[in-house]
């Protein structure tokens, strides 16, 4: 009924808000992914969760959860299997039963007992920044959930992009601090060197003064002026 659909939609929006809000509470990627996984477990009862980064023409497994790292491939070629297709097309891929889905061309999920799978590409504007895979060991009907997962992906894309920008700013700040420290050390070395030269110059002047006094004591007058510009007074 219409009322049931409205209730379901309202519940979906609440879940999206909660998961995205959880991810935004952290400025660290690892902690944010922990929160995302915990929220997915709580609200969607997922059996597996994976986060891939995009490196060249490959998906690189950044982190896997729920024992997934025991069977998930560390690298997947873009365009291959469900995750690869989602990354290639920059479109979400849903499969209610991967056992009968020809697009699921790799065996790792099947061997792990996975049946339903959602591959959600994460991108800001046209820039693909990553991909998350969510899986269940039971078949799941996605007929009325496509909009839900697309909205979830959009929210997580913004959250993870913000975290990435924060990390880049931190790295830039650290680089600036390192540069300032190096320049300060170089300046201090230069100051120390100049101070050392002044000390040596003073010592040389003292030696010359003593020599002149010795010459005069012997009844001799120095024939050249002090090349260092000493004041004999």
Protein backbone atom coordinates (compact mmCIF):
# COMPACT_ATOMS: atom_id res chain seq x y z
CA UNK A 1 0.00 0.00 0.00
CA UNK A 2 0.99 3.64 -0.29
CA UNK A 3 1.30 3.93 3.48
CA UNK A 4 3.66 0.96 3.62
CA UNK A 5 5.82 2.45 0.87
CA UNK A 6 5.96 5.76 2.69
CA UNK A 7 6.97 4.03 5.91
CA UNK A 8 9.63 2.04 4.10
CA UNK A 9 10.96 5.15 2.39
CA UNK A 10 11.04 7.06 5.65
CA UNK A 11 12.94 4.22 7.29
CA UNK A 12 15.43 4.12 4.42
CA UNK A 13 16.08 7.85 4.75
CA UNK A 14 16.63 7.44 8.48
CA UNK A 15 19.16 4.66 7.82
CA UNK A 16 20.99 6.72 5.19
CA UNK A 17 21.15 9.69 7.53
CA UNK A 18 22.46 7.56 10.38
CA UNK A 19 25.15 5.79 8.32
CA UNK A 20 26.37 8.97 6.64
CA UNK A 21 26.34 10.85 9.95
CA UNK A 22 28.40 8.09 11.54
CA UNK A 23 30.98 8.36 8.75
CA UNK A 24 31.20 12.14 9.18
CA UNK A 25 32.14 11.92 12.84
CA UNK A 26 35.68 10.91 12.00
CA UNK A 27 38.48 12.74 10.21
CA UNK A 28 40.46 9.50 9.90
CA UNK A 29 39.65 7.10 7.05
CA UNK A 30 40.17 3.90 9.05
CA UNK A 31 37.94 5.06 11.89
CA UNK A 32 35.30 6.26 9.44
CA UNK A 33 35.28 2.87 7.70
CA UNK A 34 34.89 1.18 11.08
CA UNK A 35 31.83 3.29 11.77
CA UNK A 36 30.39 2.61 8.32
CA UNK A 37 30.77 -1.13 8.74
CA UNK A 38 29.22 -1.07 12.21
CA UNK A 39 26.25 0.92 10.90
CA UNK A 40 25.79 -1.41 7.90
CA UNK A 41 25.81 -4.39 10.23
CA UNK A 42 23.28 -2.78 12.52
CA UNK A 43 20.84 -1.51 9.92
CA UNK A 44 21.28 -3.86 6.96
CA UNK A 45 22.65 -7.02 8.62
CA UNK A 46 25.43 -7.30 6.04
CA UNK A 47 27.70 -10.35 6.02
CA UNK A 48 30.63 -8.69 4.26
CA UNK A 49 31.89 -5.20 3.55
CA UNK A 50 34.84 -4.16 1.37
CA UNK A 51 36.38 -0.83 0.48
CA UNK A 52 38.46 -0.52 -2.69
CA UNK A 53 40.69 2.31 -3.82
CA UNK A 54 41.24 3.16 -7.47
CA UNK A 55 44.84 2.79 -8.61
CA UNK A 56 45.39 2.96 -12.34
CA UNK A 57 43.20 0.38 -14.07
CA UNK A 58 42.75 -1.67 -10.92
CA UNK A 59 40.67 -1.79 -7.78
CA UNK A 60 42.96 -2.26 -4.80
CA UNK A 61 41.47 -3.67 -1.62
CA UNK A 62 42.14 -1.06 1.03
CA UNK A 63 40.43 -2.94 3.79
CA UNK A 64 38.06 -5.86 4.20
CA UNK A 65 35.85 -6.80 7.12
CA UNK A 66 34.18 -9.80 8.67
CA UNK A 67 36.91 -12.18 7.62
CA UNK A 68 36.57 -11.05 4.03
CA UNK A 69 40.33 -10.58 3.75
CA UNK A 70 40.63 -14.36 3.85
CA UNK A 71 39.04 -14.74 0.43
CA UNK A 72 38.76 -11.34 -1.26
CA UNK A 73 41.30 -10.60 -3.95
CA UNK A 74 43.60 -7.70 -3.15
CA UNK A 75 43.38 -6.41 -6.71
CA UNK A 76 40.68 -6.53 -9.35
CA UNK A 77 40.86 -5.22 -12.87
CA UNK A 78 38.37 -2.48 -13.65
CA UNK A 79 35.67 -3.90 -15.91
CA UNK A 80 35.86 -7.40 -14.43
CA UNK A 81 33.15 -8.89 -12.18
CA UNK A 82 30.55 -6.82 -10.32
CA UNK A 83 32.92 -4.39 -8.60
CA UNK A 84 34.97 -3.90 -11.74
CA UNK A 85 31.88 -3.19 -13.83
CA UNK A 86 30.57 -0.69 -11.29
CA UNK A 87 33.91 1.14 -11.34
CA UNK A 88 34.10 1.09 -15.14
CA UNK A 89 30.59 2.42 -15.71
CA UNK A 90 30.52 4.57 -12.56
CA UNK A 91 27.16 3.02 -11.89
CA UNK A 92 25.93 0.92 -9.03
CA UNK A 93 25.63 -2.81 -9.70
CA UNK A 94 23.17 -4.96 -7.77
CA UNK A 95 22.83 -8.72 -7.91
CA UNK A 96 20.16 -10.60 -5.97
CA UNK A 97 21.83 -13.92 -6.72
CA UNK A 98 25.44 -13.95 -7.89
CA UNK A 99 25.26 -17.72 -8.42
CA UNK A 100 23.10 -17.16 -11.49
CA UNK A 101 24.43 -13.74 -12.53
CA UNK A 102 26.74 -13.94 -15.55
CA UNK A 103 28.30 -10.59 -14.60
CA UNK A 104 29.81 -12.18 -11.51
CA UNK A 105 32.78 -13.70 -13.31
CA UNK A 106 35.09 -14.32 -10.33
CA UNK A 107 34.61 -17.17 -7.87
CA UNK A 108 35.79 -15.65 -4.60
CA UNK A 109 32.39 -14.44 -3.37
CA UNK A 110 30.68 -17.63 -4.49
CA UNK A 111 33.19 -19.78 -2.62
CA UNK A 112 32.61 -17.67 0.49
CA UNK A 113 28.88 -18.41 0.39
CA UNK A 114 27.80 -14.96 -0.74
CA UNK A 115 24.54 -14.76 -2.67
CA UNK A 116 23.51 -11.09 -2.88
CA UNK A 117 25.90 -8.27 -3.64
CA UNK A 118 25.89 -4.51 -4.15
CA UNK A 119 28.86 -2.69 -5.69
CA UNK A 120 28.64 1.06 -5.11
CA UNK A 121 31.15 3.36 -6.86
CA UNK A 122 32.10 6.44 -4.88
CA UNK A 123 32.77 9.55 -6.90
CA UNK A 124 32.65 13.31 -6.64
CA UNK A 125 31.50 14.95 -9.85
CA UNK A 126 33.29 12.78 -12.43
CA UNK A 127 36.18 11.68 -10.23
CA UNK A 128 36.01 8.08 -9.04
CA UNK A 129 37.49 7.99 -5.53
CA UNK A 130 36.74 4.42 -4.49
CA UNK A 131 34.20 1.64 -4.33
CA UNK A 132 32.43 -0.26 -1.58
CA UNK A 133 31.10 -3.78 -1.84
CA UNK A 134 28.30 -4.99 0.43
CA UNK A 135 27.30 -8.64 0.54
CA UNK A 136 24.82 -11.02 2.13
CA UNK A 137 24.79 -14.80 2.38
CA UNK A 138 21.04 -14.80 1.80
CA UNK A 139 19.27 -13.70 -1.37
CA UNK A 140 18.00 -10.14 -1.15
CA UNK A 141 15.34 -8.46 -3.25
CA UNK A 142 16.66 -5.13 -4.50
CA UNK A 143 13.50 -4.24 -6.44
CA UNK A 144 12.67 -1.30 -4.19
CA UNK A 145 16.14 -0.55 -2.85
CA UNK A 146 18.02 0.87 -5.83
CA UNK A 147 17.26 4.49 -4.91
CA UNK A 148 18.21 3.73 -1.33
CA UNK A 149 21.67 2.39 -2.20
CA UNK A 150 22.29 5.16 -4.74
CA UNK A 151 21.51 7.78 -2.10
CA UNK A 152 23.70 5.94 0.39
CA UNK A 153 26.56 5.93 -2.11
CA UNK A 154 26.17 9.65 -2.78
CA UNK A 155 26.29 10.44 0.93
CA UNK A 156 29.32 8.25 1.59
CA UNK A 157 31.10 9.71 -1.44
CA UNK A 158 30.92 13.19 0.06
CA UNK A 159 31.95 11.97 3.52
CA UNK A 160 34.98 10.03 2.31
CA UNK A 161 36.03 12.83 -0.04
CA UNK A 162 35.96 15.27 2.88
CA UNK A 163 38.12 12.89 4.92
CA UNK A 164 40.54 12.62 2.01
CA UNK A 165 40.78 16.42 1.77
CA UNK A 166 41.36 16.69 5.52
CA UNK A 167 44.14 14.12 5.32
CA UNK A 168 45.71 16.00 2.40
CA UNK A 169 45.58 19.24 4.40
CA UNK A 170 47.21 17.51 7.37
CA UNK A 171 49.94 16.15 5.13
CA UNK A 172 50.46 19.59 3.60
CA UNK A 173 50.66 21.11 7.08
CA UNK A 174 53.20 18.48 8.14
CA UNK A 175 55.25 19.17 5.02
CA UNK A 176 55.22 22.90 5.79
CA UNK A 177 56.28 22.26 9.39
CA UNK A 178 59.12 20.07 8.16
CA UNK A 179 60.19 22.74 5.66
CA UNK A 180 60.16 25.44 8.36
CA UNK A 181 62.16 23.20 10.69
CA UNK A 182 64.74 22.49 7.98
CA UNK A 183 65.03 26.18 7.10
CA UNK A 184 65.40 27.07 10.78
CA UNK A 185 68.17 24.52 11.19
CA UNK A 186 69.94 25.87 8.11
CA UNK A 187 69.67 29.43 9.44
CA UNK A 188 71.00 28.36 12.83
CA UNK A 189 73.96 26.67 11.17
CA UNK A 190 74.68 29.87 9.23
CA UNK A 191 74.47 31.94 12.42
CA UNK A 192 76.77 29.53 14.23
CA UNK A 193 79.22 29.67 11.33
CA UNK A 194 79.27 33.46 11.37
CA UNK A 195 79.70 33.46 15.13
CA UNK A 196 82.62 31.07 14.74
CA UNK A 197 84.23 33.34 12.18
CA UNK A 198 83.92 36.31 14.52
CA UNK A 199 85.58 34.34 17.30
CA UNK A 200 88.43 33.32 15.01
CA UNK A 201 88.81 36.91 13.80
CA UNK A 202 89.07 38.17 17.37
CA UNK A 203 91.69 35.52 18.13
CA UNK A 204 93.69 36.53 15.03
CA UNK A 205 93.59 40.19 16.03
CA UNK A 206 94.90 39.28 19.45
CA UNK A 207 97.80 37.36 17.90
CA UNK A 208 98.70 40.33 15.67
CA UNK A 209 98.53 42.71 18.61
CA UNK A 210 100.90 40.53 20.61
CA UNK A 211 103.33 40.33 17.68
CA UNK A 212 103.37 44.11 17.31
CA UNK A 213 104.04 44.55 21.00
CA UNK A 214 106.91 42.06 20.81
CA UNK A 215 108.42 43.94 17.84
CA UNK A 216 108.23 47.26 19.62
CA UNK A 217 109.70 45.75 22.77
CA UNK A 218 112.64 44.66 20.61
CA UNK A 219 113.03 48.19 19.28
CA UNK A 220 111.44 47.48 15.94
CA UNK A 221 108.51 49.25 14.41
CA UNK A 222 106.12 47.20 12.27
CA UNK A 223 106.53 48.23 8.63
CA UNK A 224 102.94 47.45 7.48
CA UNK A 225 99.65 48.50 8.87
CA UNK A 226 97.30 46.01 10.39
CA UNK A 227 95.52 44.34 7.45
CA UNK A 228 92.57 43.63 9.69
CA UNK A 229 92.05 47.28 10.48
CA UNK A 230 92.88 46.98 14.19
CA UNK A 231 92.86 50.02 16.39
CA UNK A 232 96.25 50.30 18.09
CA UNK A 233 95.00 52.81 20.54
